[in-house]
C-alpha atoms as a PDB file:
ATOM      1  CA  MET A   1      88.476-109.953 106.710  1.00  0.00           C
ATOM      2  CA  VAL A   2      86.129-111.738 109.125  1.00  0.00           C
ATOM      3  CA  CYS A   3      88.971-112.479 111.541  1.00  0.00           C
ATOM      4  CA  HIS A   4      90.080-108.846 111.465  1.00  0.00           C
ATOM      5  CA  PHE A   5      86.551-107.732 112.263  1.00  0.00           C
ATOM      6  CA  ARG A   6      86.288-110.190 115.161  1.00  0.00           C
ATOM      7  CA  LYS A   7      89.626-109.018 116.603  1.00  0.00           C
ATOM      8  CA  LYS A   8      88.510-105.404 116.328  1.00  0.00           C
ATOM      9  CA  PHE A   9      85.136-106.207 117.925  1.00  0.00           C
ATOM     10  CA  HIS A  10      86.744-108.129 120.807  1.00  0.00           C
ATOM     11  CA  LYS A  11      89.157-105.281 121.363  1.00  0.00           C
ATOM     12  CA  ARG A  12      86.248-102.834 121.696  1.00  0.00           C
ATOM     13  CA  ILE A  13      84.441-105.131 124.101  1.00  0.00           C
ATOM     14  CA  LYS A  14      87.573-105.422 126.213  1.00  0.00           C
ATOM     15  CA  SER A  15      87.974-101.641 126.296  1.00  0.00           C
ATOM     16  CA  PHE A  16      84.316-101.232 127.269  1.00  0.00           C
ATOM     17  CA  LEU A  17      84.668-103.704 130.130  1.00  0.00           C
ATOM     18  CA  VAL A  18      87.791-101.913 131.403  1.00  0.00           C
ATOM     19  CA  ILE A  19      85.948 -98.605 131.404  1.00  0.00           C
ATOM     20  CA  CYS A  20      83.028-100.187 133.264  1.00  0.00           C
ATOM     21  CA  CYS A  21      85.411-101.423 135.959  1.00  0.00           C
ATOM     22  CA  PHE A  22      86.416 -97.826 136.678  1.00  0.00           C
ATOM     23  CA  VAL A  23      83.067 -96.130 136.091  1.00  0.00           C
ATOM     24  CA  SER A  24      80.754 -98.534 137.931  1.00  0.00           C
ATOM     25  CA  PRO A  25      82.273 -98.090 141.424  1.00  0.00           C
ATOM     26  CA  THR A  26      82.320 -94.327 140.917  1.00  0.00           C
ATOM     27  CA  TYR A  27      78.729 -94.345 139.788  1.00  0.00           C
ATOM     28  CA  PHE A  28      77.735 -96.543 142.701  1.00  0.00           C
ATOM     29  CA  ILE A  29      79.449 -94.255 145.195  1.00  0.00           C
ATOM     30  CA  TYR A  30      77.887 -91.159 143.601  1.00  0.00           C
ATOM     31  CA  SER A  31      74.402 -92.663 143.383  1.00  0.00           C
ATOM     32  CA  HIS A  32      74.703 -93.860 146.971  1.00  0.00           C
ATOM     33  CA  ARG A  33      75.621 -90.309 147.953  1.00  0.00           C
ATOM     34  CA  LEU A  34      72.561 -89.018 146.110  1.00  0.00           C
ATOM     35  CA  VAL A  35      70.331 -91.333 148.090  1.00  0.00           C
ATOM     36  CA  LYS A  36      72.107 -90.567 151.329  1.00  0.00           C
ATOM     37  CA  GLU A  37      71.927 -86.801 150.785  1.00  0.00           C
ATOM     38  CA  GLU A  38      68.358 -86.800 149.530  1.00  0.00           C
ATOM     39  CA  PRO A  39      66.754 -83.548 150.736  1.00  0.00           C
ATOM     40  CA  LEU A  40      64.519 -83.794 153.762  1.00  0.00           C
ATOM     41  CA  CYS A  41      61.595 -82.464 151.737  1.00  0.00           C
ATOM     42  CA  LEU A  42      61.544 -85.696 149.723  1.00  0.00           C
ATOM     43  CA  LYS A  43      61.425 -87.814 152.873  1.00  0.00           C
ATOM     44  CA  ASN A  44      59.245 -85.866 155.291  1.00  0.00           C
ATOM     45  CA  THR A  45      55.962 -84.009 155.018  1.00  0.00           C
ATOM     46  CA  CYS A  46      57.891 -80.738 154.867  1.00  0.00           C
ATOM     47  CA  SER A  47      61.510 -79.591 154.508  1.00  0.00           C
ATOM     48  CA  CYS A  48      61.935 -78.768 158.191  1.00  0.00           C
ATOM     49  CA  GLU A  49      64.043 -81.106 160.312  1.00  0.00           C
ATOM     50  CA  THR A  50      60.802 -82.053 162.090  1.00  0.00           C
ATOM     51  CA  CYS A  51      57.293 -81.343 160.821  1.00  0.00           C
ATOM     52  CA  ILE A  52      54.060 -81.014 162.780  1.00  0.00           C
ATOM     53  CA  SER A  53      52.222 -83.413 160.453  1.00  0.00           C
ATOM     54  CA  ASP A  54      54.860 -86.183 160.763  1.00  0.00           C
ATOM     55  CA  ARG A  55      53.201 -89.253 162.218  1.00  0.00           C
ATOM     56  CA  GLY A  56      54.471 -92.067 164.425  1.00  0.00           C
ATOM     57  CA  ILE A  57      55.910 -89.846 167.136  1.00  0.00           C
ATOM     58  CA  SER A  58      52.859 -89.813 169.399  1.00  0.00           C
ATOM     59  CA  HIS A  59      49.800 -92.036 169.279  1.00  0.00           C
ATOM     60  CA  TRP A  60      47.962 -89.377 171.323  1.00  0.00           C
ATOM     61  CA  PHE A  61      48.627 -86.807 168.583  1.00  0.00           C
ATOM     62  CA  ASP A  62      48.037 -89.118 165.629  1.00  0.00           C
ATOM     63  CA  ARG A  63      44.647 -90.100 167.013  1.00  0.00           C
ATOM     64  CA  ARG A  64      43.525 -86.461 167.173  1.00  0.00           C
ATOM     65  CA  PHE A  65      45.212 -84.753 164.228  1.00  0.00           C
ATOM     66  CA  ASN A  66      43.200 -84.958 160.989  1.00  0.00           C
ATOM     67  CA  SER A  67      44.881 -83.038 158.174  1.00  0.00           C
ATOM     68  CA  SER A  68      41.905 -83.604 155.837  1.00  0.00           C
ATOM     69  CA  ILE A  69      39.678 -81.208 157.814  1.00  0.00           C
ATOM     70  CA  GLN A  70      39.963 -77.677 156.420  1.00  0.00           C
ATOM     71  CA  PRO A  71      40.061 -74.893 159.012  1.00  0.00           C
ATOM     72  CA  GLN A  72      38.501 -72.213 156.782  1.00  0.00           C
ATOM     73  CA  LEU A  73      35.428 -72.062 154.581  1.00  0.00           C
ATOM     74  CA  THR A  74      36.199 -71.898 150.886  1.00  0.00           C
ATOM     75  CA  SER A  75      34.180 -72.127 147.687  1.00  0.00           C
ATOM     76  CA  ASN A  76      35.488 -75.685 147.372  1.00  0.00           C
ATOM     77  CA  ASN A  77      34.125 -76.792 150.718  1.00  0.00           C
ATOM     78  CA  GLU A  78      31.100 -79.031 150.740  1.00  0.00           C
ATOM     79  CA  ASN A  79      27.941 -77.880 152.515  1.00  0.00           C
ATOM     80  CA  ILE A  80      28.181 -77.855 156.282  1.00  0.00           C
ATOM     81  CA  PRO A  81      26.793 -81.170 157.620  1.00  0.00           C
ATOM     82  CA  ARG A  82      23.452 -80.804 159.353  1.00  0.00           C
ATOM     83  CA  GLU A  83      24.727 -82.291 162.630  1.00  0.00           C
ATOM     84  CA  VAL A  84      27.579 -79.776 162.661  1.00  0.00           C
ATOM     85  CA  LEU A  85      25.236 -76.891 162.007  1.00  0.00           C
ATOM     86  CA  LEU A  86      22.852 -77.985 164.736  1.00  0.00           C
ATOM     87  CA  TRP A  87      25.746 -78.244 167.190  1.00  0.00           C
ATOM     88  CA  TRP A  88      27.007 -74.805 166.186  1.00  0.00           C
ATOM     89  CA  LEU A  89      23.566 -73.267 166.713  1.00  0.00           C
ATOM     90  CA  THR A  90      23.611 -74.389 170.348  1.00  0.00           C
ATOM     91  CA  LEU A  91      27.020 -72.882 171.206  1.00  0.00           C
ATOM     92  CA  GLN A  92      25.569 -69.819 172.869  1.00  0.00           C
ATOM     93  CA  SER A  93      22.000 -70.956 173.321  1.00  0.00           C
ATOM     94  CA  ARG A  94      20.696 -74.101 174.950  1.00  0.00           C
ATOM     95  CA  HIS A  95      17.437 -73.721 173.046  1.00  0.00           C
ATOM     96  CA  PRO A  96      18.180 -71.999 169.739  1.00  0.00           C
ATOM     97  CA  ARG A  97      15.157 -70.442 168.062  1.00  0.00           C
ATOM     98  CA  VAL A  98      17.000 -69.687 164.851  1.00  0.00           C
ATOM     99  CA  ASN A  99      15.734 -71.728 161.935  1.00  0.00           C
ATOM    100  CA  ILE A 100      18.156 -73.983 160.074  1.00  0.00           C
ATOM    101  CA  ILE A 101      17.728 -71.673 157.076  1.00  0.00           C
ATOM    102  CA  HIS A 102      20.538 -69.597 158.534  1.00  0.00           C
ATOM    103  CA  SER A 103      22.931 -72.074 156.965  1.00  0.00           C
ATOM    104  CA  LYS A 104      22.455 -69.921 153.832  1.00  0.00           C
ATOM    105  CA  LEU A 105      24.357 -67.168 155.629  1.00  0.00           C
ATOM    106  CA  PHE A 106      27.588 -69.157 155.340  1.00  0.00           C
ATOM    107  CA  GLU A 107      27.126 -69.361 151.576  1.00  0.00           C
ATOM    108  CA  ALA A 108      26.753 -65.586 151.300  1.00  0.00           C
ATOM    109  CA  MET A 109      29.834 -64.754 153.299  1.00  0.00           C
ATOM    110  CA  PRO A 110      33.246 -64.013 151.679  1.00  0.00           C
ATOM    111  CA  LYS A 111      35.308 -67.163 151.303  1.00  0.00           C
ATOM    112  CA  SER A 112      39.045 -66.799 150.819  1.00  0.00           C
ATOM    113  CA  ASP A 113      41.243 -69.792 150.126  1.00  0.00           C
ATOM    114  CA  PRO A 114      42.985 -71.144 153.190  1.00  0.00           C
ATOM    115  CA  SER A 115      46.707 -70.721 153.526  1.00  0.00           C
ATOM    116  CA  GLN A 116      48.618 -72.812 151.015  1.00  0.00           C
ATOM    117  CA  SER A 117      48.304 -76.515 151.660  1.00  0.00           C
ATOM    118  CA  ALA A 118      51.254 -78.492 152.949  1.00  0.00           C
ATOM    119  CA  SER A 119      54.133 -79.024 150.570  1.00  0.00           C
ATOM    120  CA  PRO A 120      57.001 -81.497 151.025  1.00  0.00           C
ATOM    121  CA  CYS A 121      59.546 -78.806 150.189  1.00  0.00           C
ATOM    122  CA  ARG A 122      58.083 -76.095 152.401  1.00  0.00           C
ATOM    123  CA  CYS A 123      59.122 -75.181 155.935  1.00  0.00           C
ATOM    124  CA  ARG A 124      56.620 -72.648 157.252  1.00  0.00           C
ATOM    125  CA  SER A 125      57.312 -71.308 160.721  1.00  0.00           C
ATOM    126  CA  CYS A 126      54.460 -69.762 162.682  1.00  0.00           C
ATOM    127  CA  ALA A 127      53.832 -68.015 165.940  1.00  0.00           C
ATOM    128  CA  VAL A 128      50.498 -68.130 167.732  1.00  0.00           C
ATOM    129  CA  VAL A 129      50.485 -65.232 170.163  1.00  0.00           C
ATOM    130  CA  GLY A 130      47.970 -65.340 173.000  1.00  0.00           C
ATOM    131  CA  ASN A 131      47.196 -62.428 175.243  1.00  0.00           C
ATOM    132  CA  SER A 132      48.501 -63.618 178.609  1.00  0.00           C
ATOM    133  CA  GLY A 133      50.193 -61.273 181.032  1.00  0.00           C
ATOM    134  CA  ASN A 134      53.195 -63.616 181.010  1.00  0.00           C
ATOM    135  CA  LEU A 135      54.357 -61.757 177.869  1.00  0.00           C
ATOM    136  CA  LYS A 136      55.252 -58.684 179.912  1.00  0.00           C
ATOM    137  CA  GLY A 137      59.003 -58.335 180.121  1.00  0.00           C
ATOM    138  CA  SER A 138      59.544 -61.413 177.962  1.00  0.00           C
ATOM    139  CA  ASN A 139      61.454 -59.694 175.129  1.00  0.00           C
ATOM    140  CA  TYR A 140      59.960 -62.161 172.627  1.00  0.00           C
ATOM    141  CA  GLY A 141      59.159 -59.492 170.062  1.00  0.00           C
ATOM    142  CA  GLU A 142      62.041 -60.121 167.682  1.00  0.00           C
ATOM    143  CA  LEU A 143      61.552 -63.891 167.833  1.00  0.00           C
ATOM    144  CA  ILE A 144      57.832 -63.567 167.133  1.00  0.00           C
ATOM    145  CA  ASP A 145      58.373 -61.251 164.169  1.00  0.00           C
ATOM    146  CA  SER A 146      60.921 -63.670 162.642  1.00  0.00           C
ATOM    147  CA  GLN A 147      58.205 -66.281 161.966  1.00  0.00           C
ATOM    148  CA  ASP A 148      56.558 -66.598 158.532  1.00  0.00           C
ATOM    149  CA  PHE A 149      53.050 -66.345 159.970  1.00  0.00           C
ATOM    150  CA  VAL A 150      52.054 -64.556 163.161  1.00  0.00           C
ATOM    151  CA  ILE A 151      48.563 -65.324 164.460  1.00  0.00           C
ATOM    152  CA  ARG A 152      46.916 -63.036 167.024  1.00  0.00           C
ATOM    153  CA  MET A 153      43.395 -62.850 168.386  1.00  0.00           C
ATOM    154  CA  ASN A 154      40.663 -60.696 169.816  1.00  0.00           C
ATOM    155  CA  GLY A 155      41.797 -57.393 171.345  1.00  0.00           C
ATOM    156  CA  ALA A 156      45.529 -58.051 170.977  1.00  0.00           C
ATOM    157  CA  VAL A 157      47.566 -54.831 171.165  1.00  0.00           C
ATOM    158  CA  THR A 158      51.045 -54.450 169.676  1.00  0.00           C
ATOM    159  CA  THR A 159      51.683 -50.678 169.758  1.00  0.00           C
ATOM    160  CA  GLY A 160      53.772 -49.914 172.811  1.00  0.00           C
ATOM    161  CA  TYR A 161      54.450 -53.606 173.475  1.00  0.00           C
ATOM    162  CA  GLU A 162      56.597 -54.435 170.446  1.00  0.00           C
ATOM    163  CA  ALA A 163      59.616 -55.539 172.509  1.00  0.00           C
ATOM    164  CA  ASP A 164      57.602 -58.274 174.185  1.00  0.00           C
ATOM    165  CA  VAL A 165      54.964 -59.241 171.606  1.00  0.00           C
ATOM    166  CA  GLY A 166      56.356 -58.046 168.277  1.00  0.00           C
ATOM    167  CA  LYS A 167      54.573 -55.938 165.697  1.00  0.00           C
ATOM    168  CA  LYS A 168      53.970 -58.387 162.855  1.00  0.00           C
ATOM    169  CA  THR A 169      50.513 -59.903 162.282  1.00  0.00           C
ATOM    170  CA  THR A 170      49.457 -62.081 159.344  1.00  0.00           C
ATOM    171  CA  HIS A 171      46.229 -63.564 160.731  1.00  0.00           C
ATOM    172  CA  HIS A 172      43.867 -62.093 163.312  1.00  0.00           C
ATOM    173  CA  PHE A 173      41.055 -64.127 164.894  1.00  0.00           C
ATOM    174  CA  MET A 174      38.033 -62.169 166.066  1.00  0.00           C
ATOM    175  CA  TYR A 175      34.290 -62.184 166.636  1.00  0.00           C
ATOM    176  CA  PRO A 176      31.934 -59.166 166.898  1.00  0.00           C
ATOM    177  CA  GLU A 177      32.521 -58.513 170.583  1.00  0.00           C
ATOM    178  CA  SER A 178      36.314 -58.552 170.088  1.00  0.00           C
ATOM    179  CA  ALA A 179      36.407 -56.775 166.713  1.00  0.00           C
ATOM    180  CA  LYS A 180      39.090 -54.211 165.933  1.00  0.00           C
ATOM    181  CA  ASP A 181      40.554 -52.426 162.917  1.00  0.00           C
ATOM    182  CA  LEU A 182      43.234 -54.314 161.012  1.00  0.00           C
ATOM    183  CA  GLU A 183      46.031 -53.313 158.683  1.00  0.00           C
ATOM    184  CA  SER A 184      45.501 -54.034 154.983  1.00  0.00           C
ATOM    185  CA  ASN A 185      48.049 -56.848 154.930  1.00  0.00           C
ATOM    186  CA  VAL A 186      46.374 -58.849 157.718  1.00  0.00           C
ATOM    187  CA  HIS A 187      44.036 -61.796 157.142  1.00  0.00           C
ATOM    188  CA  LEU A 188      40.865 -61.474 159.180  1.00  0.00           C
ATOM    189  CA  VAL A 189      39.598 -64.843 160.392  1.00  0.00           C
ATOM    190  CA  LEU A 190      36.039 -64.519 161.645  1.00  0.00           C
ATOM    191  CA  VAL A 191      35.139 -67.008 164.381  1.00  0.00           C
ATOM    192  CA  PRO A 192      31.344 -67.096 164.436  1.00  0.00           C
ATOM    193  CA  PHE A 193      29.784 -68.399 167.646  1.00  0.00           C
ATOM    194  CA  LYS A 194      26.175 -67.689 166.610  1.00  0.00           C
ATOM    195  CA  PRO A 195      24.122 -66.675 163.543  1.00  0.00           C
ATOM    196  CA  GLN A 196      24.055 -63.026 164.705  1.00  0.00           C
ATOM    197  CA  ASP A 197      27.844 -62.954 164.277  1.00  0.00           C
ATOM    198  CA  LEU A 198      27.428 -63.642 160.561  1.00  0.00           C
ATOM    199  CA  LEU A 199      24.637 -61.090 160.230  1.00  0.00           C
ATOM    200  CA  TRP A 200      26.786 -58.513 161.998  1.00  0.00           C
ATOM    201  CA  PHE A 201      29.707 -59.228 159.716  1.00  0.00           C
ATOM    202  CA  MET A 202      27.635 -59.000 156.546  1.00  0.00           C
ATOM    203  CA  ASN A 203      26.276 -55.668 157.691  1.00  0.00           C
ATOM    204  CA  VAL A 204      29.732 -54.365 158.576  1.00  0.00           C
ATOM    205  CA  LEU A 205      31.094 -55.328 155.164  1.00  0.00           C
ATOM    206  CA  SER A 206      28.219 -53.641 153.381  1.00  0.00           C
ATOM    207  CA  ASN A 207      28.242 -50.568 155.680  1.00  0.00           C
ATOM    208  CA  ARG A 208      24.625 -51.190 156.671  1.00  0.00           C
ATOM    209  CA  LYS A 209      23.085 -50.390 160.028  1.00  0.00           C
ATOM    210  CA  ASN A 210      24.198 -52.870 162.626  1.00  0.00           C
ATOM    211  CA  ILE A 211      21.778 -55.469 163.931  1.00  0.00           C
ATOM    212  CA  LEU A 212      20.781 -55.817 167.565  1.00  0.00           C
ATOM    213  CA  MET A 213      23.389 -57.752 169.553  1.00  0.00           C
ATOM    214  CA  TYR A 214      23.343 -58.817 173.178  1.00  0.00           C
ATOM    215  CA  ARG A 215      26.060 -56.289 173.883  1.00  0.00           C
ATOM    216  CA  ARG A 216      27.434 -53.220 172.149  1.00  0.00           C
ATOM    217  CA  VAL A 217      29.745 -53.991 169.229  1.00  0.00           C
ATOM    218  CA  LYS A 218      31.573 -51.974 166.564  1.00  0.00           C
ATOM    219  CA  SER A 219      29.408 -51.052 163.599  1.00  0.00           C
ATOM    220  CA  TYR A 220      32.421 -50.600 161.314  1.00  0.00           C
ATOM    221  CA  ILE A 221      35.911 -52.081 161.089  1.00  0.00           C
ATOM    222  CA  LYS A 222      38.832 -51.602 158.729  1.00  0.00           C
ATOM    223  CA  ALA A 223      39.864 -54.808 156.997  1.00  0.00           C
ATOM    224  CA  ASP A 224      41.031 -55.967 153.587  1.00  0.00           C
ATOM    225  CA  ARG A 225      38.031 -57.610 151.898  1.00  0.00           C
ATOM    226  CA  ASP A 226      40.365 -59.825 149.895  1.00  0.00           C
ATOM    227  CA  LYS A 227      41.861 -61.243 153.087  1.00  0.00           C
ATOM    228  CA  ILE A 228      38.728 -62.300 154.924  1.00  0.00           C
ATOM    229  CA  SER A 229      37.793 -65.864 155.787  1.00  0.00           C
ATOM    230  CA  ILE A 230      35.430 -67.705 158.083  1.00  0.00           C
ATOM    231  CA  PHE A 231      36.498 -70.282 160.618  1.00  0.00           C
ATOM    232  CA  HIS A 232      34.851 -73.501 159.459  1.00  0.00           C
ATOM    233  CA  PRO A 233      32.116 -74.815 161.822  1.00  0.00           C
ATOM    234  CA  THR A 234      33.222 -78.363 160.973  1.00  0.00           C
ATOM    235  CA  PHE A 235      36.759 -77.542 162.117  1.00  0.00           C
ATOM    236  CA  PHE A 236      35.291 -75.879 165.206  1.00  0.00           C
ATOM    237  CA  LYS A 237      33.454 -79.100 166.113  1.00  0.00           C
ATOM    238  CA  TYR A 238      36.560 -81.152 165.283  1.00  0.00           C
ATOM    239  CA  VAL A 239      38.549 -79.181 167.883  1.00  0.00           C
ATOM    240  CA  HIS A 240      35.722 -79.702 170.397  1.00  0.00           C
ATOM    241  CA  ASP A 241      35.410 -83.425 169.696  1.00  0.00           C
ATOM    242  CA  GLU A 242      39.005 -84.509 169.184  1.00  0.00           C
ATOM    243  CA  TRP A 243      41.141 -82.025 171.118  1.00  0.00           C
ATOM    244  CA  THR A 244      39.250 -80.576 174.079  1.00  0.00           C
ATOM    245  CA  GLU A 245      37.007 -83.663 174.128  1.00  0.00           C
ATOM    246  CA  HIS A 246      33.907 -81.786 175.267  1.00  0.00           C
ATOM    247  CA  HIS A 247      35.588 -80.163 178.252  1.00  0.00           C
ATOM    248  CA  GLY A 248      33.762 -76.852 178.472  1.00  0.00           C
ATOM    249  CA  ARG A 249      30.795 -75.932 176.306  1.00  0.00           C
ATOM    250  CA  TYR A 250      33.141 -75.098 173.421  1.00  0.00           C
ATOM    251  CA  PRO A 251      36.863 -74.315 172.896  1.00  0.00           C
ATOM    252  CA  SER A 252      38.268 -70.857 173.473  1.00  0.00           C
ATOM    253  CA  THR A 253      39.440 -68.611 170.634  1.00  0.00           C
ATOM    254  CA  GLY A 254      42.989 -69.256 171.824  1.00  0.00           C
ATOM    255  CA  MET A 255      42.592 -73.018 171.470  1.00  0.00           C
ATOM    256  CA  LEU A 256      40.938 -72.668 168.055  1.00  0.00           C
ATOM    257  CA  ALA A 257      43.808 -70.474 166.854  1.00  0.00           C
ATOM    258  CA  LEU A 258      46.420 -72.906 168.144  1.00  0.00           C
ATOM    259  CA  ILE A 259      44.885 -75.953 166.423  1.00  0.00           C
ATOM    260  CA  PHE A 260      44.480 -73.785 163.303  1.00  0.00           C
ATOM    261  CA  GLY A 261      48.239 -73.228 163.521  1.00  0.00           C
ATOM    262  CA  LEU A 262      48.900 -76.957 163.755  1.00  0.00           C
ATOM    263  CA  HIS A 263      47.091 -77.395 160.422  1.00  0.00           C
ATOM    264  CA  ILE A 264      48.621 -74.576 158.348  1.00  0.00           C
ATOM    265  CA  CYS A 265      52.176 -74.539 159.763  1.00  0.00           C
ATOM    266  CA  ASP A 266      55.147 -76.885 159.676  1.00  0.00           C
ATOM    267  CA  GLN A 267      56.703 -75.616 162.887  1.00  0.00           C
ATOM    268  CA  LEU A 268      54.754 -73.753 165.536  1.00  0.00           C
ATOM    269  CA  SER A 269      55.910 -71.517 168.397  1.00  0.00           C
ATOM    270  CA  VAL A 270      53.327 -70.602 171.015  1.00  0.00           C
ATOM    271  CA  PHE A 271      53.491 -67.467 173.128  1.00  0.00           C
ATOM    272  CA  GLY A 272      51.209 -65.743 175.642  1.00  0.00           C
ATOM    273  CA  TYR A 273      49.213 -68.712 176.964  1.00  0.00           C
ATOM    274  CA  GLY A 274      48.623 -69.525 180.586  1.00  0.00           C
ATOM    275  CA  VAL A 275      49.362 -67.632 183.790  1.00  0.00           C
ATOM    276  CA  ASP A 276      51.938 -64.924 184.481  1.00  0.00           C
ATOM    277  CA  LYS A 277      54.898 -65.430 186.818  1.00  0.00           C
ATOM    278  CA  ASP A 278      52.661 -64.754 189.817  1.00  0.00           C
ATOM    279  CA  GLY A 279      50.017 -67.267 188.804  1.00  0.00           C
ATOM    280  CA  ASN A 280      47.509 -64.653 187.612  1.00  0.00           C
ATOM    281  CA  TRP A 281      45.332 -64.806 184.490  1.00  0.00           C
ATOM    282  CA  HIS A 282      45.129 -61.439 182.756  1.00  0.00           C
ATOM    283  CA  HIS A 283      45.910 -59.651 179.464  1.00  0.00           C
ATOM    284  CA  TYR A 284      49.365 -58.191 179.007  1.00  0.00           C
ATOM    285  CA  TRP A 285      48.013 -54.721 178.150  1.00  0.00           C
ATOM    286  CA  GLU A 286      45.823 -54.553 181.273  1.00  0.00           C
ATOM    287  CA  ASN A 287      46.698 -53.816 184.855  1.00  0.00           C
ATOM    288  CA  ASN A 288      43.998 -56.162 186.103  1.00  0.00           C
ATOM    289  CA  ARG A 289      45.855 -58.957 187.890  1.00  0.00           C
ATOM    290  CA  LEU A 290      42.853 -60.567 189.540  1.00  0.00           C
ATOM    291  CA  ALA A 291      43.046 -64.333 189.109  1.00  0.00           C
ATOM    292  CA  GLY A 292      40.437 -65.549 186.685  1.00  0.00           C
ATOM    293  CA  ALA A 293      40.284 -62.467 184.469  1.00  0.00           C
ATOM    294  CA  PHE A 294      39.889 -64.810 181.518  1.00  0.00           C
ATOM    295  CA  HIS A 295      40.498 -68.158 183.182  1.00  0.00           C
ATOM    296  CA  ILE A 296      36.975 -68.736 184.420  1.00  0.00           C
ATOM    297  CA  THR A 297      34.524 -67.844 181.668  1.00  0.00           C
ATOM    298  CA  GLY A 298      31.785 -70.368 182.291  1.00  0.00           C
ATOM    299  CA  VAL A 299      32.037 -71.857 178.811  1.00  0.00           C
ATOM    300  CA  HIS A 300      35.747 -72.797 178.358  1.00  0.00           C
ATOM    301  CA  ASN A 301      37.857 -75.187 180.391  1.00  0.00           C
ATOM    302  CA  ALA A 302      41.194 -73.413 180.741  1.00  0.00           C
ATOM    303  CA  THR A 303      42.663 -76.211 182.844  1.00  0.00           C
ATOM    304  CA  CYS A 304      42.007 -78.791 180.144  1.00  0.00           C
ATOM    305  CA  GLU A 305      43.270 -76.509 177.361  1.00  0.00           C
ATOM    306  CA  THR A 306      46.449 -75.742 179.317  1.00  0.00           C
ATOM    307  CA  ARG A 307      47.057 -79.450 179.767  1.00  0.00           C
ATOM    308  CA  ILE A 308      46.660 -80.062 175.991  1.00  0.00           C
ATOM    309  CA  ILE A 309      49.073 -77.240 175.130  1.00  0.00           C
ATOM    310  CA  SER A 310      51.662 -78.540 177.616  1.00  0.00           C
ATOM    311  CA  HIS A 311      51.427 -82.042 176.178  1.00  0.00           C
ATOM    312  CA  LEU A 312      51.879 -80.743 172.629  1.00  0.00           C
ATOM    313  CA  ALA A 313      55.091 -79.139 173.857  1.00  0.00           C
ATOM    314  CA  GLU A 314      56.225 -82.311 175.617  1.00  0.00           C
ATOM    315  CA  ILE A 315      55.916 -84.397 172.432  1.00  0.00           C
ATOM    316  CA  GLY A 316      57.677 -81.737 170.342  1.00  0.00           C
ATOM    317  CA  LYS A 317      54.755 -80.644 168.187  1.00  0.00           C
ATOM    318  CA  ILE A 318      55.018 -77.037 169.384  1.00  0.00           C
ATOM    319  CA  GLN A 319      57.642 -74.888 171.048  1.00  0.00           C
ATOM    320  CA  LEU A 320      55.980 -73.315 174.080  1.00  0.00           C
ATOM    321  CA  TYR A 321      57.286 -70.056 175.525  1.00  0.00           C
ATOM    322  CA  ARG A 322      56.137 -69.246 179.049  1.00  0.00           C
ATOM    323  CA  GLY A 323      57.171 -65.638 179.417  1.00  0.00           C
ATOM    324  CA  ARG A 324      59.827 -64.954 182.056  1.00  0.00           C
ATOM    325  CA  HIS A 325      59.873 -68.671 182.804  1.00  0.00           C
ATOM    326  CA  GLY A 326      61.448 -69.297 179.382  1.00  0.00           C
ATOM    327  CA  ALA A 327      60.702 -71.871 176.713  1.00  0.00           C
ATOM    328  CA  SER A 328      59.512 -75.344 177.647  1.00  0.00           C
END
């Protein structure tokens, strides 16, 4: 009885070993294939072939890019550091007379959550569309509209220029002097340069009489209250410190929007920055071709910002489109 049991047991062991001989190589090959074909989203910071936030490509970029700094104010943000607030108060005044109590204004403003944070299995494509005259005749409209997010700024016009600049907008950067009505599906990103900008915006949202500004501004704008956010002063100073490195008194709206795009997008295409084919600086909807129309402002350093944008293109962090000159 015992011998019969042992023979039966040995027979089963032998059969098991034979099966393992066939199964093990197959399993090894299959498991190796699983590792080899592991989706990009499990390896990289996003599921794109290349991601903006990937590190190790450029020391210049890695030293500047800080993904922990949020570009928009939210209810989860900590209070604005005093040194940031003091810097912000001097943006448009060398000797600000506004008391620090105005920091309370930020707390009273609407705070929408920033665009979804980075995800390893997300590939978000974005277009930042500047207002340069080099967009005229570019036929970039369809390419721009194909992006997940389309970021525009200030007085950007799309009606009548759809073939070159597209018609889609998901985020629009503005301040009081550049304010315009927005469609209900567009996120308004307020870029405040001074306390009066916040006061103006609060009054506009509540339909109260506008406050005194240093130049005439709109007293009412159309915008979706649920899609309003404020550009974070800390992020503003981060762009000034790490990217433009104090060239100019403070960065332009175009530079702020571009660095914003680096933080919320996985791949970024940039349109409408720099000069037109004749070397002029002007807006694509204007006939003014005088050099310096928005190149020399007294507060921004367009030469420095252009150099930064070109370098981002050179290291593959953005795809830069130069109008009739084509993509970089």
